[in-house]
Amino acid sequence: MSETTIASGLMLIVSGPSGAGKTTIARRAEEALDAVFSVSMTTRPKTAKDREGIDYYFVDEAAFLAHCHRGEMLEWARVFDHCYGTPRQPVDAALADGRVVNLEIDVKGAIQVKQQLPGALALYIEPPCEETLLSRLRGRGRDDEGVIQRRFQEARTEMQKARDGGIYETFIVNDDLDAAVAEVIRLVEARRATRPARHA
């Protein structure tokens, strides 16, 4: 029986501040690459709009912490009163199938994931400038000016952490959405081309 060559799986980490466009870019690249979206686990209450296993895996805190203690999370953090994290098993399964796994995460989480999966490709999406970022945050029409300014300052801090962290291979400036998406796709395909394929 002849062997079938299967492309090696790849973890793709996409980070960026609120308003940079990372979710739009990541989802478009995900579709083009036939990638798997990494679903997070959380202890926050499930809303009527939430879909179990698609938006999040919803668990209580005891179950969440049990996963952590068993080493079953790639990363996790407590945000205010709730825990959020990335279960390892679905990621490992998708990577074993040769898939690209798309993980949208903040800098702290990206550092944790890179410690466990050093071969992951970590990309950071940036706005063209701080003025553009502030304009985009205002353009959402979701928040009052006080909240916008807080988000803006958080974004500035996050961008500096990303620069100082040393884990992102490439910083992509989103001044042209189509070009940014194309660059993510190019970088993923280039990385996969340099990784050894496995045989089925």
N, C-alpha and C. Protein backbone atom coordinates (compact mmCIF):
# COMPACT_ATOMS: atom_id res chain seq x y z
N MET A 1 0.86 -1.20 0.00
CA MET A 1 0.00 0.00 0.00
C MET A 1 0.89 1.24 0.00
N SER A 2 0.61 2.16 -0.89
CA SER A 2 1.42 3.37 -0.97
C SER A 2 1.09 4.31 0.18
N GLU A 3 2.07 5.08 0.58
CA GLU A 3 1.88 6.04 1.66
C GLU A 3 1.29 7.33 1.11
N THR A 4 0.49 7.98 1.93
CA THR A 4 -0.07 9.29 1.58
C THR A 4 0.64 10.35 2.40
N THR A 5 1.17 11.35 1.74
CA THR A 5 1.85 12.42 2.44
C THR A 5 0.83 13.43 2.96
N ILE A 6 0.93 13.75 4.23
CA ILE A 6 0.00 14.68 4.87
C ILE A 6 0.79 15.86 5.42
N ALA A 7 0.32 17.07 5.13
CA ALA A 7 1.01 18.26 5.63
C ALA A 7 1.03 18.27 7.14
N SER A 8 2.12 18.75 7.70
CA SER A 8 2.24 18.83 9.15
C SER A 8 1.32 19.91 9.70
N GLY A 9 0.70 19.62 10.85
CA GLY A 9 -0.16 20.60 11.49
C GLY A 9 0.63 21.79 12.00
N LEU A 10 -0.07 22.90 12.23
CA LEU A 10 0.59 24.12 12.70
C LEU A 10 -0.35 24.91 13.59
N MET A 11 0.13 25.30 14.76
CA MET A 11 -0.61 26.21 15.62
C MET A 11 -0.32 27.64 15.18
N LEU A 12 -1.37 28.37 14.85
CA LEU A 12 -1.26 29.77 14.46
C LEU A 12 -1.82 30.64 15.58
N ILE A 13 -0.98 31.45 16.18
CA ILE A 13 -1.40 32.38 17.23
C ILE A 13 -1.56 33.76 16.60
N VAL A 14 -2.73 34.35 16.76
CA VAL A 14 -2.98 35.70 16.26
C VAL A 14 -3.37 36.59 17.43
N SER A 15 -2.60 37.63 17.65
CA SER A 15 -2.87 38.57 18.73
C SER A 15 -2.95 39.98 18.17
N GLY A 16 -3.45 40.88 18.99
CA GLY A 16 -3.53 42.28 18.60
C GLY A 16 -4.48 43.01 19.53
N PRO A 17 -4.35 44.31 19.63
CA PRO A 17 -5.23 45.07 20.51
C PRO A 17 -6.64 45.20 19.95
N SER A 18 -7.59 45.52 20.83
CA SER A 18 -8.95 45.80 20.37
C SER A 18 -8.91 46.92 19.35
N GLY A 19 -9.60 46.71 18.23
CA GLY A 19 -9.64 47.73 17.19
C GLY A 19 -8.61 47.56 16.09
N ALA A 20 -7.71 46.58 16.24
CA ALA A 20 -6.68 46.38 15.21
C ALA A 20 -7.19 45.56 14.04
N GLY A 21 -8.29 44.84 14.24
CA GLY A 21 -8.84 44.02 13.16
C GLY A 21 -8.40 42.58 13.17
N LYS A 22 -7.86 42.12 14.31
CA LYS A 22 -7.29 40.76 14.34
C LYS A 22 -8.33 39.68 14.10
N THR A 23 -9.55 39.86 14.64
CA THR A 23 -10.56 38.82 14.48
C THR A 23 -10.98 38.69 13.02
N THR A 24 -11.20 39.81 12.36
CA THR A 24 -11.57 39.78 10.94
C THR A 24 -10.47 39.13 10.11
N ILE A 25 -9.24 39.52 10.37
CA ILE A 25 -8.11 38.96 9.62
C ILE A 25 -7.97 37.47 9.88
N ALA A 26 -8.04 37.09 11.16
CA ALA A 26 -7.85 35.68 11.52
C ALA A 26 -8.94 34.81 10.92
N ARG A 27 -10.18 35.27 10.93
CA ARG A 27 -11.28 34.46 10.41
C ARG A 27 -11.20 34.32 8.89
N ARG A 28 -10.81 35.38 8.21
CA ARG A 28 -10.68 35.28 6.76
C ARG A 28 -9.52 34.36 6.38
N ALA A 29 -8.42 34.46 7.11
CA ALA A 29 -7.28 33.56 6.85
C ALA A 29 -7.65 32.12 7.19
N GLU A 30 -8.40 31.97 8.26
CA GLU A 30 -8.85 30.64 8.69
C GLU A 30 -9.65 29.96 7.60
N GLU A 31 -10.55 30.71 6.98
CA GLU A 31 -11.39 30.15 5.91
C GLU A 31 -10.53 29.77 4.70
N ALA A 32 -9.60 30.63 4.34
CA ALA A 32 -8.75 30.37 3.17
C ALA A 32 -7.84 29.17 3.39
N LEU A 33 -7.42 28.97 4.63
CA LEU A 33 -6.49 27.89 4.95
C LEU A 33 -7.19 26.61 5.39
N ASP A 34 -8.54 26.64 5.44
CA ASP A 34 -9.31 25.53 5.98
C ASP A 34 -8.79 25.18 7.38
N ALA A 35 -8.59 26.20 8.18
CA ALA A 35 -8.04 26.03 9.52
C ALA A 35 -9.14 25.71 10.52
N VAL A 36 -8.73 25.24 11.68
CA VAL A 36 -9.63 24.93 12.79
C VAL A 36 -9.55 26.05 13.80
N PHE A 37 -10.69 26.58 14.21
CA PHE A 37 -10.71 27.62 15.24
C PHE A 37 -10.61 26.96 16.61
N SER A 38 -9.67 27.43 17.43
CA SER A 38 -9.50 26.88 18.77
C SER A 38 -10.56 27.45 19.70
N VAL A 39 -11.44 26.60 20.20
CA VAL A 39 -12.53 27.03 21.08
C VAL A 39 -12.04 27.06 22.53
N SER A 40 -12.25 28.17 23.19
CA SER A 40 -11.81 28.33 24.57
C SER A 40 -12.80 27.71 25.55
N MET A 41 -12.31 27.44 26.75
CA MET A 41 -13.15 26.99 27.86
C MET A 41 -13.31 28.15 28.83
N THR A 42 -14.49 28.28 29.41
CA THR A 42 -14.73 29.38 30.34
C THR A 42 -15.67 28.98 31.47
N THR A 43 -15.54 29.71 32.57
CA THR A 43 -16.46 29.52 33.70
C THR A 43 -17.56 30.58 33.71
N ARG A 44 -17.54 31.50 32.74
CA ARG A 44 -18.60 32.52 32.73
C ARG A 44 -19.92 31.89 32.35
N PRO A 45 -21.03 32.48 32.81
CA PRO A 45 -22.34 31.90 32.50
C PRO A 45 -22.61 31.90 30.99
N LYS A 46 -23.29 30.88 30.55
CA LYS A 46 -23.69 30.75 29.15
C LYS A 46 -24.89 31.65 28.89
N THR A 47 -24.83 32.44 27.81
CA THR A 47 -25.95 33.30 27.45
C THR A 47 -26.82 32.60 26.41
N ALA A 48 -27.94 33.22 26.11
CA ALA A 48 -28.87 32.63 25.14
C ALA A 48 -28.26 32.55 23.75
N LYS A 49 -27.31 33.44 23.44
CA LYS A 49 -26.68 33.46 22.12
C LYS A 49 -25.49 32.51 22.01
N ASP A 50 -24.96 32.07 23.14
CA ASP A 50 -23.78 31.21 23.13
C ASP A 50 -24.11 29.81 22.64
N ARG A 51 -23.17 29.24 21.88
CA ARG A 51 -23.31 27.87 21.39
C ARG A 51 -22.21 27.01 22.01
N GLU A 52 -22.60 26.03 22.77
CA GLU A 52 -21.66 25.14 23.45
C GLU A 52 -20.77 24.44 22.43
N GLY A 53 -19.46 24.50 22.67
CA GLY A 53 -18.51 23.83 21.79
C GLY A 53 -18.19 24.58 20.52
N ILE A 54 -18.88 25.70 20.28
CA ILE A 54 -18.61 26.52 19.11
C ILE A 54 -18.07 27.88 19.53
N ASP A 55 -18.79 28.53 20.46
CA ASP A 55 -18.30 29.80 21.01
C ASP A 55 -17.34 29.55 22.17
N TYR A 56 -17.75 28.66 23.07
CA TYR A 56 -16.94 28.27 24.23
C TYR A 56 -17.36 26.88 24.67
N TYR A 57 -16.48 26.27 25.49
CA TYR A 57 -16.87 25.13 26.30
C TYR A 57 -17.20 25.71 27.68
N PHE A 58 -18.41 25.52 28.16
CA PHE A 58 -18.83 26.11 29.42
C PHE A 58 -18.75 25.07 30.54
N VAL A 59 -17.99 25.41 31.59
CA VAL A 59 -17.83 24.51 32.74
C VAL A 59 -17.89 25.34 34.02
N ASP A 60 -18.08 24.66 35.16
CA ASP A 60 -18.00 25.39 36.43
C ASP A 60 -16.54 25.52 36.85
N GLU A 61 -16.28 26.30 37.88
CA GLU A 61 -14.89 26.58 38.26
C GLU A 61 -14.16 25.33 38.73
N ALA A 62 -14.86 24.46 39.45
CA ALA A 62 -14.20 23.24 39.93
C ALA A 62 -13.70 22.40 38.77
N ALA A 63 -14.54 22.26 37.74
CA ALA A 63 -14.14 21.46 36.57
C ALA A 63 -13.00 22.14 35.83
N PHE A 64 -13.07 23.46 35.70
CA PHE A 64 -12.01 24.20 35.00
C PHE A 64 -10.67 24.01 35.71
N LEU A 65 -10.66 24.21 37.01
CA LEU A 65 -9.41 24.09 37.77
C LEU A 65 -8.88 22.66 37.76
N ALA A 66 -9.79 21.69 37.70
CA ALA A 66 -9.36 20.29 37.60
C ALA A 66 -8.61 20.05 36.30
N HIS A 67 -9.12 20.63 35.19
CA HIS A 67 -8.41 20.54 33.91
C HIS A 67 -7.01 21.15 34.04
N CYS A 68 -6.93 22.29 34.70
CA CYS A 68 -5.63 22.97 34.86
C CYS A 68 -4.66 22.10 35.66
N HIS A 69 -5.13 21.55 36.76
CA HIS A 69 -4.27 20.75 37.63
C HIS A 69 -3.79 19.47 36.96
N ARG A 70 -4.58 18.97 36.01
CA ARG A 70 -4.17 17.77 35.27
C ARG A 70 -3.28 18.10 34.08
N GLY A 71 -2.97 19.38 33.90
CA GLY A 71 -2.10 19.78 32.79
C GLY A 71 -2.78 19.73 31.45
N GLU A 72 -4.11 19.89 31.43
CA GLU A 72 -4.87 19.75 30.20
C GLU A 72 -5.18 21.08 29.51
N MET A 73 -4.57 22.16 29.97
CA MET A 73 -4.79 23.47 29.36
C MET A 73 -3.48 23.99 28.78
N LEU A 74 -3.53 24.50 27.55
CA LEU A 74 -2.34 25.11 26.96
C LEU A 74 -2.03 26.44 27.63
N GLU A 75 -3.09 27.15 28.03
CA GLU A 75 -2.94 28.41 28.75
C GLU A 75 -4.26 28.71 29.43
N TRP A 76 -4.19 29.54 30.47
CA TRP A 76 -5.44 29.97 31.09
C TRP A 76 -5.17 31.22 31.92
N ALA A 77 -6.24 31.94 32.21
CA ALA A 77 -6.14 33.15 33.02
C ALA A 77 -7.49 33.42 33.67
N ARG A 78 -7.43 34.11 34.80
CA ARG A 78 -8.65 34.58 35.44
C ARG A 78 -8.85 36.04 35.04
N VAL A 79 -9.99 36.33 34.46
CA VAL A 79 -10.31 37.68 34.03
C VAL A 79 -11.51 38.14 34.86
N PHE A 80 -11.24 39.05 35.78
CA PHE A 80 -12.26 39.49 36.73
C PHE A 80 -12.76 38.27 37.51
N ASP A 81 -14.01 37.89 37.37
CA ASP A 81 -14.56 36.81 38.19
C ASP A 81 -14.62 35.46 37.47
N HIS A 82 -14.11 35.38 36.24
CA HIS A 82 -14.25 34.14 35.48
C HIS A 82 -12.91 33.69 34.91
N CYS A 83 -12.81 32.39 34.66
CA CYS A 83 -11.60 31.80 34.08
C CYS A 83 -11.83 31.52 32.60
N TYR A 84 -10.77 31.71 31.84
CA TYR A 84 -10.78 31.43 30.41
C TYR A 84 -9.50 30.67 30.07
N GLY A 85 -9.57 29.72 29.16
CA GLY A 85 -8.36 29.00 28.79
C GLY A 85 -8.54 28.18 27.53
N THR A 86 -7.43 27.59 27.07
CA THR A 86 -7.41 26.81 25.84
C THR A 86 -7.19 25.33 26.16
N PRO A 87 -8.22 24.49 25.97
CA PRO A 87 -8.04 23.05 26.21
C PRO A 87 -7.02 22.46 25.24
N ARG A 88 -6.17 21.61 25.74
CA ARG A 88 -5.10 21.06 24.91
C ARG A 88 -5.57 19.94 23.98
N GLN A 89 -6.49 19.10 24.43
CA GLN A 89 -6.84 17.90 23.66
C GLN A 89 -7.35 18.20 22.26
N PRO A 90 -8.32 19.14 22.08
CA PRO A 90 -8.78 19.41 20.71
C PRO A 90 -7.68 19.97 19.82
N VAL A 91 -6.78 20.75 20.40
CA VAL A 91 -5.66 21.31 19.64
C VAL A 91 -4.73 20.19 19.18
N ASP A 92 -4.37 19.31 20.11
CA ASP A 92 -3.48 18.20 19.78
C ASP A 92 -4.08 17.32 18.69
N ALA A 93 -5.39 17.08 18.79
CA ALA A 93 -6.06 16.22 17.81
C ALA A 93 -6.03 16.85 16.41
N ALA A 94 -6.31 18.16 16.34
CA ALA A 94 -6.29 18.84 15.05
C ALA A 94 -4.89 18.89 14.46
N LEU A 95 -3.90 19.16 15.29
CA LEU A 95 -2.52 19.18 14.81
C LEU A 95 -2.09 17.81 14.30
N ALA A 96 -2.52 16.76 15.01
CA ALA A 96 -2.19 15.39 14.58
C ALA A 96 -2.82 15.06 13.24
N ASP A 97 -3.94 15.73 12.93
CA ASP A 97 -4.60 15.54 11.63
C ASP A 97 -3.99 16.41 10.53
N GLY A 98 -2.93 17.16 10.88
CA GLY A 98 -2.27 18.00 9.88
C GLY A 98 -2.95 19.33 9.63
N ARG A 99 -3.83 19.75 10.55
CA ARG A 99 -4.59 20.98 10.35
C ARG A 99 -3.84 22.20 10.91
N VAL A 100 -4.19 23.36 10.38
CA VAL A 100 -3.78 24.63 10.98
C VAL A 100 -4.81 24.96 12.05
N VAL A 101 -4.34 25.25 13.26
CA VAL A 101 -5.24 25.59 14.36
C VAL A 101 -5.08 27.08 14.66
N ASN A 102 -6.17 27.82 14.54
CA ASN A 102 -6.15 29.27 14.73
C ASN A 102 -6.53 29.61 16.16
N LEU A 103 -5.63 30.27 16.88
CA LEU A 103 -5.87 30.67 18.26
C LEU A 103 -5.71 32.17 18.38
N GLU A 104 -6.81 32.86 18.66
CA GLU A 104 -6.77 34.30 18.90
C GLU A 104 -6.63 34.51 20.41
N ILE A 105 -5.57 35.19 20.81
CA ILE A 105 -5.26 35.24 22.23
C ILE A 105 -4.44 36.47 22.55
N ASP A 106 -4.43 36.89 23.83
CA ASP A 106 -3.64 38.05 24.22
C ASP A 106 -2.18 37.66 24.43
N VAL A 107 -1.35 38.64 24.74
CA VAL A 107 0.09 38.41 24.84
C VAL A 107 0.43 37.42 25.95
N LYS A 108 -0.20 37.57 27.11
CA LYS A 108 0.09 36.65 28.22
C LYS A 108 -0.22 35.21 27.84
N GLY A 109 -1.37 35.01 27.20
CA GLY A 109 -1.73 33.67 26.78
C GLY A 109 -0.80 33.13 25.71
N ALA A 110 -0.39 33.99 24.79
CA ALA A 110 0.52 33.58 23.72
C ALA A 110 1.85 33.11 24.29
N ILE A 111 2.32 33.78 25.31
CA ILE A 111 3.58 33.38 25.95
C ILE A 111 3.44 31.98 26.54
N GLN A 112 2.32 31.71 27.20
CA GLN A 112 2.09 30.38 27.78
C GLN A 112 2.04 29.30 26.70
N VAL A 113 1.35 29.59 25.60
CA VAL A 113 1.22 28.61 24.53
C VAL A 113 2.58 28.33 23.89
N LYS A 114 3.35 29.38 23.64
CA LYS A 114 4.67 29.19 23.01
C LYS A 114 5.61 28.38 23.90
N GLN A 115 5.42 28.45 25.21
CA GLN A 115 6.24 27.64 26.10
C GLN A 115 5.95 26.16 25.92
N GLN A 116 4.69 25.83 25.62
CA GLN A 116 4.31 24.43 25.44
C GLN A 116 4.42 23.97 23.99
N LEU A 117 4.20 24.91 23.07
CA LEU A 117 4.28 24.59 21.64
C LEU A 117 5.24 25.58 20.96
N PRO A 118 6.54 25.39 21.17
CA PRO A 118 7.51 26.36 20.64
C PRO A 118 7.50 26.47 19.13
N GLY A 119 6.93 25.47 18.43
CA GLY A 119 6.87 25.53 16.97
C GLY A 119 5.70 26.34 16.45
N ALA A 120 4.88 26.89 17.35
CA ALA A 120 3.72 27.69 16.92
C ALA A 120 4.19 28.95 16.18
N LEU A 121 3.38 29.38 15.21
CA LEU A 121 3.65 30.62 14.48
C LEU A 121 2.83 31.73 15.14
N ALA A 122 3.50 32.69 15.75
CA ALA A 122 2.82 33.76 16.48
C ALA A 122 2.91 35.07 15.70
N LEU A 123 1.75 35.63 15.36
CA LEU A 123 1.68 36.87 14.59
C LEU A 123 0.93 37.92 15.40
N TYR A 124 1.36 39.16 15.28
CA TYR A 124 0.72 40.25 16.02
C TYR A 124 0.19 41.27 15.02
N ILE A 125 -1.10 41.57 15.13
CA ILE A 125 -1.75 42.53 14.24
C ILE A 125 -1.75 43.91 14.89
N GLU A 126 -1.22 44.89 14.17
CA GLU A 126 -1.14 46.26 14.70
C GLU A 126 -1.95 47.22 13.82
N PRO A 127 -2.48 48.28 14.42
CA PRO A 127 -3.09 49.35 13.62
C PRO A 127 -2.00 50.17 12.96
N PRO A 128 -2.32 50.94 11.92
CA PRO A 128 -1.29 51.75 11.26
C PRO A 128 -0.65 52.77 12.20
N CYS A 129 -1.43 53.30 13.14
CA CYS A 129 -0.91 54.25 14.11
C CYS A 129 -1.91 54.34 15.27
N GLU A 130 -1.50 54.98 16.35
CA GLU A 130 -2.37 55.07 17.52
C GLU A 130 -3.63 55.89 17.23
N GLU A 131 -3.50 56.91 16.38
CA GLU A 131 -4.66 57.74 16.04
C GLU A 131 -5.72 56.91 15.31
N THR A 132 -5.27 56.02 14.42
CA THR A 132 -6.20 55.14 13.70
C THR A 132 -6.88 54.19 14.67
N LEU A 133 -6.11 53.65 15.62
CA LEU A 133 -6.68 52.75 16.60
C LEU A 133 -7.77 53.44 17.41
N LEU A 134 -7.49 54.65 17.88
CA LEU A 134 -8.48 55.39 18.65
C LEU A 134 -9.72 55.67 17.81
N SER A 135 -9.52 56.02 16.55
CA SER A 135 -10.64 56.28 15.66
C SER A 135 -11.49 55.02 15.46
N ARG A 136 -10.84 53.86 15.32
CA ARG A 136 -11.57 52.61 15.14
C ARG A 136 -12.38 52.26 16.39
N LEU A 137 -11.79 52.47 17.56
CA LEU A 137 -12.50 52.19 18.81
C LEU A 137 -13.74 53.08 18.94
N ARG A 138 -13.60 54.34 18.55
CA ARG A 138 -14.75 55.25 18.59
C ARG A 138 -15.79 54.86 17.54
N GLY A 139 -15.31 54.39 16.39
CA GLY A 139 -16.21 54.07 15.28
C GLY A 139 -17.09 52.87 15.54
N ARG A 140 -16.76 52.05 16.55
CA ARG A 140 -17.59 50.90 16.87
C ARG A 140 -18.96 51.33 17.41
N GLY A 141 -19.00 52.48 18.07
CA GLY A 141 -20.25 52.98 18.63
C GLY A 141 -20.78 52.18 19.79
N ARG A 142 -19.91 51.41 20.45
CA ARG A 142 -20.36 50.54 21.54
C ARG A 142 -20.21 51.18 22.92
N ASP A 143 -19.20 52.05 23.08
CA ASP A 143 -18.81 52.49 24.42
C ASP A 143 -18.81 54.00 24.53
N ASP A 144 -18.90 54.48 25.78
CA ASP A 144 -18.76 55.92 26.00
C ASP A 144 -17.28 56.28 25.96
N GLU A 145 -16.97 57.56 25.98
CA GLU A 145 -15.58 58.02 25.80
C GLU A 145 -14.66 57.51 26.90
N GLY A 146 -15.19 57.40 28.13
CA GLY A 146 -14.35 56.91 29.22
C GLY A 146 -13.89 55.48 29.00
N VAL A 147 -14.81 54.64 28.54
CA VAL A 147 -14.46 53.24 28.25
C VAL A 147 -13.51 53.17 27.05
N ILE A 148 -13.76 54.01 26.05
CA ILE A 148 -12.89 54.04 24.87
C ILE A 148 -11.46 54.40 25.26
N GLN A 149 -11.32 55.41 26.12
CA GLN A 149 -9.98 55.82 26.54
C GLN A 149 -9.29 54.72 27.34
N ARG A 150 -10.06 54.02 28.16
CA ARG A 150 -9.46 52.91 28.92
C ARG A 150 -8.99 51.81 27.98
N ARG A 151 -9.83 51.46 27.01
CA ARG A 151 -9.44 50.44 26.04
C ARG A 151 -8.22 50.88 25.23
N PHE A 152 -8.17 52.15 24.92
CA PHE A 152 -7.04 52.68 24.15
C PHE A 152 -5.73 52.55 24.94
N GLN A 153 -5.79 52.89 26.22
CA GLN A 153 -4.58 52.78 27.05
C GLN A 153 -4.19 51.31 27.23
N GLU A 154 -5.19 50.43 27.38
CA GLU A 154 -4.89 49.00 27.48
C GLU A 154 -4.24 48.49 26.20
N ALA A 155 -4.72 48.97 25.07
CA ALA A 155 -4.16 48.57 23.79
C ALA A 155 -2.71 49.02 23.65
N ARG A 156 -2.42 50.23 24.07
CA ARG A 156 -1.04 50.74 24.00
C ARG A 156 -0.12 49.88 24.87
N THR A 157 -0.59 49.53 26.06
CA THR A 157 0.20 48.69 26.96
C THR A 157 0.44 47.31 26.36
N GLU A 158 -0.63 46.74 25.77
CA GLU A 158 -0.53 45.41 25.17
C GLU A 158 0.46 45.42 24.00
N MET A 159 0.41 46.45 23.17
CA MET A 159 1.33 46.51 22.03
C MET A 159 2.78 46.58 22.48
N GLN A 160 3.03 47.30 23.56
CA GLN A 160 4.39 47.38 24.08
C GLN A 160 4.84 46.03 24.64
N LYS A 161 3.93 45.32 25.33
CA LYS A 161 4.25 43.99 25.85
C LYS A 161 4.58 43.04 24.71
N ALA A 162 3.84 43.16 23.63
CA ALA A 162 4.08 42.30 22.47
C ALA A 162 5.47 42.56 21.89
N ARG A 163 5.83 43.84 21.79
CA ARG A 163 7.16 44.20 21.28
C ARG A 163 8.28 43.69 22.19
N ASP A 164 8.03 43.77 23.49
CA ASP A 164 9.08 43.41 24.45
C ASP A 164 9.15 41.90 24.70
N GLY A 165 8.06 41.16 24.36
CA GLY A 165 7.97 39.75 24.74
C GLY A 165 8.86 38.81 23.97
N GLY A 166 9.19 39.17 22.73
CA GLY A 166 10.09 38.35 21.93
C GLY A 166 9.51 37.05 21.42
N ILE A 167 8.19 36.91 21.40
CA ILE A 167 7.60 35.64 20.95
C ILE A 167 6.93 35.75 19.59
N TYR A 168 6.72 36.97 19.10
CA TYR A 168 6.02 37.14 17.82
C TYR A 168 7.03 37.20 16.68
N GLU A 169 6.85 36.28 15.71
CA GLU A 169 7.76 36.26 14.56
C GLU A 169 7.58 37.47 13.67
N THR A 170 6.34 37.92 13.53
CA THR A 170 6.05 39.01 12.61
C THR A 170 4.97 39.91 13.18
N PHE A 171 5.14 41.22 12.96
CA PHE A 171 4.13 42.22 13.30
C PHE A 171 3.54 42.71 11.98
N ILE A 172 2.24 42.54 11.82
CA ILE A 172 1.55 42.90 10.58
C ILE A 172 0.73 44.15 10.82
N VAL A 173 1.04 45.20 10.07
CA VAL A 173 0.29 46.46 10.19
C VAL A 173 -0.95 46.37 9.32
N ASN A 174 -2.12 46.51 9.94
CA ASN A 174 -3.38 46.40 9.22
C ASN A 174 -3.81 47.78 8.70
N ASP A 175 -3.15 48.21 7.63
CA ASP A 175 -3.59 49.43 6.95
C ASP A 175 -4.32 49.10 5.66
N ASP A 176 -4.29 47.82 5.28
CA ASP A 176 -5.02 47.32 4.11
C ASP A 176 -5.47 45.91 4.47
N LEU A 177 -6.77 45.72 4.68
CA LEU A 177 -7.28 44.45 5.19
C LEU A 177 -6.93 43.28 4.28
N ASP A 178 -7.15 43.41 2.99
CA ASP A 178 -6.86 42.32 2.06
C ASP A 178 -5.38 41.95 2.09
N ALA A 179 -4.52 42.96 2.16
CA ALA A 179 -3.08 42.71 2.19
C ALA A 179 -2.68 42.02 3.49
N ALA A 180 -3.30 42.42 4.60
CA ALA A 180 -2.98 41.81 5.89
C ALA A 180 -3.39 40.34 5.91
N VAL A 181 -4.58 40.05 5.38
CA VAL A 181 -5.03 38.66 5.28
C VAL A 181 -4.08 37.84 4.41
N ALA A 182 -3.71 38.39 3.28
CA ALA A 182 -2.80 37.70 2.37
C ALA A 182 -1.45 37.42 3.02
N GLU A 183 -0.99 38.36 3.84
CA GLU A 183 0.30 38.18 4.52
C GLU A 183 0.22 37.05 5.55
N VAL A 184 -0.87 36.97 6.28
CA VAL A 184 -1.04 35.87 7.24
C VAL A 184 -1.03 34.54 6.50
N ILE A 185 -1.77 34.45 5.41
CA ILE A 185 -1.83 33.21 4.63
C ILE A 185 -0.44 32.85 4.10
N ARG A 186 0.28 33.85 3.59
CA ARG A 186 1.62 33.60 3.05
C ARG A 186 2.56 33.07 4.12
N LEU A 187 2.51 33.68 5.31
CA LEU A 187 3.40 33.26 6.39
C LEU A 187 3.09 31.85 6.86
N VAL A 188 1.80 31.51 6.94
CA VAL A 188 1.42 30.15 7.35
C VAL A 188 1.90 29.14 6.32
N GLU A 189 1.66 29.43 5.04
CA GLU A 189 2.06 28.48 4.00
C GLU A 189 3.58 28.33 3.93
N ALA A 190 4.30 29.44 4.15
CA ALA A 190 5.76 29.38 4.15
C ALA A 190 6.28 28.53 5.31
N ARG A 191 5.67 28.70 6.49
CA ARG A 191 6.09 27.90 7.65
C ARG A 191 5.79 26.43 7.44
N ARG A 192 4.62 26.14 6.91
CA ARG A 192 4.27 24.74 6.69
C ARG A 192 5.18 24.08 5.65
N ALA A 193 5.62 24.87 4.68
CA ALA A 193 6.49 24.33 3.63
C ALA A 193 7.85 23.92 4.17
N THR A 194 8.25 24.51 5.29
CA THR A 194 9.57 24.20 5.86
C THR A 194 9.49 23.10 6.89
N ARG A 195 8.27 22.65 7.24
CA ARG A 195 8.12 21.61 8.25
C ARG A 195 8.00 20.25 7.56
N PRO A 196 8.57 19.21 8.16
CA PRO A 196 8.50 17.89 7.53
C PRO A 196 7.07 17.37 7.50
N ALA A 197 6.67 16.83 6.36
CA ALA A 197 5.35 16.20 6.26
C ALA A 197 5.39 14.85 6.94
N ARG A 198 4.22 14.38 7.36
CA ARG A 198 4.17 13.03 7.92
C ARG A 198 3.47 12.12 6.92
N HIS A 199 3.57 10.83 7.14
CA HIS A 199 3.01 9.86 6.19
C HIS A 199 1.93 9.03 6.83
N ALA A 200 0.88 8.81 6.07
CA ALA A 200 -0.25 8.00 6.59
C ALA A 200 -0.15 6.58 6.01
